[in-house]
Protein backbone atom coordinates (compact mmCIF):
# COMPACT_ATOMS: atom_id res chain seq x y z
CA ALA A 1 -15.61 5.70 41.38
CA VAL A 2 -14.82 3.52 38.13
CA GLY A 3 -11.51 1.67 38.84
CA LYS A 4 -10.84 3.18 42.67
CA TYR A 5 -12.43 0.53 44.16
CA SER A 6 -11.51 -2.56 42.43
CA HIS A 7 -9.45 -3.97 45.33
CA GLY A 8 -11.31 -5.31 48.29
CA GLY A 9 -14.83 -6.12 46.81
CA MET A 10 -17.67 -4.78 48.45
CA MET A 11 -15.97 -4.87 51.84
CA GLY A 12 -13.31 -2.64 50.55
CA MET A 13 -15.36 -0.33 49.28
CA LEU A 14 -17.66 -0.04 52.11
CA ASN A 15 -14.19 0.34 54.22
CA ASP A 16 -13.06 3.25 51.83
CA LEU A 17 -16.45 4.84 52.03
CA ASN A 18 -16.82 4.79 55.91
CA ILE A 19 -19.90 2.66 55.59
CA ARG A 20 -20.88 0.20 58.51
CA HIS A 21 -21.34 -3.19 56.86
CA VAL A 22 -24.83 -4.57 57.83
CA GLY A 23 -25.75 -8.67 57.86
CA ARG A 24 -23.86 -11.26 57.10
CA HIS A 25 -21.47 -11.27 54.20
CA HIS A 26 -22.24 -13.59 50.99
CA SER A 27 -25.94 -13.32 52.18
CA GLY A 28 -27.81 -12.21 49.16
CA ILE A 29 -30.15 -9.93 50.63
CA ASP A 30 -27.59 -8.18 53.24
CA ASP A 31 -25.07 -7.94 50.22
CA CYS A 32 -27.93 -6.17 48.16
CA LYS A 33 -28.58 -3.58 51.10
CA ASN A 34 -25.16 -2.93 51.80
CA ILE A 35 -24.46 -2.43 47.65
CA ALA A 36 -27.48 -0.49 47.83
CA GLU A 37 -26.07 1.53 50.63
CA ILE A 38 -22.60 2.18 48.61
CA LEU A 39 -24.96 3.53 45.33
CA LYS A 40 -26.59 6.03 47.81
CA VAL A 41 -23.31 7.47 49.06
CA LEU A 42 -21.68 7.56 45.75
CA ALA A 43 -24.85 9.47 44.36
CA GLU A 44 -24.79 12.07 47.13
CA ARG A 45 -20.99 12.57 46.51
CA GLY A 46 -21.79 13.57 43.17
CA TYR A 47 -21.09 10.40 41.23
CA VAL A 48 -22.83 10.36 37.78
CA PHE A 49 -23.64 6.77 37.18
CA HIS A 50 -23.29 5.64 33.30
CA GLU A 51 -24.38 2.55 31.60
CA ASN A 52 -21.67 0.17 30.62
CA ARG A 53 -23.06 -2.72 28.74
CA LYS A 54 -21.75 -3.26 25.33
CA GLN A 55 -24.24 -3.70 22.20
């Protein structure tokens, strides 16, 4: 998933993952719900998340 969804932002990721957008784009709570759904689908597909912050 890393790098694969860099273009198109959240809407592009939703589209690529065949997830229906919920609510209003750029509405804080709606965007959080959509991002949570993206993460859920990626996890269900076996993606392993790694911390990426720099020390």
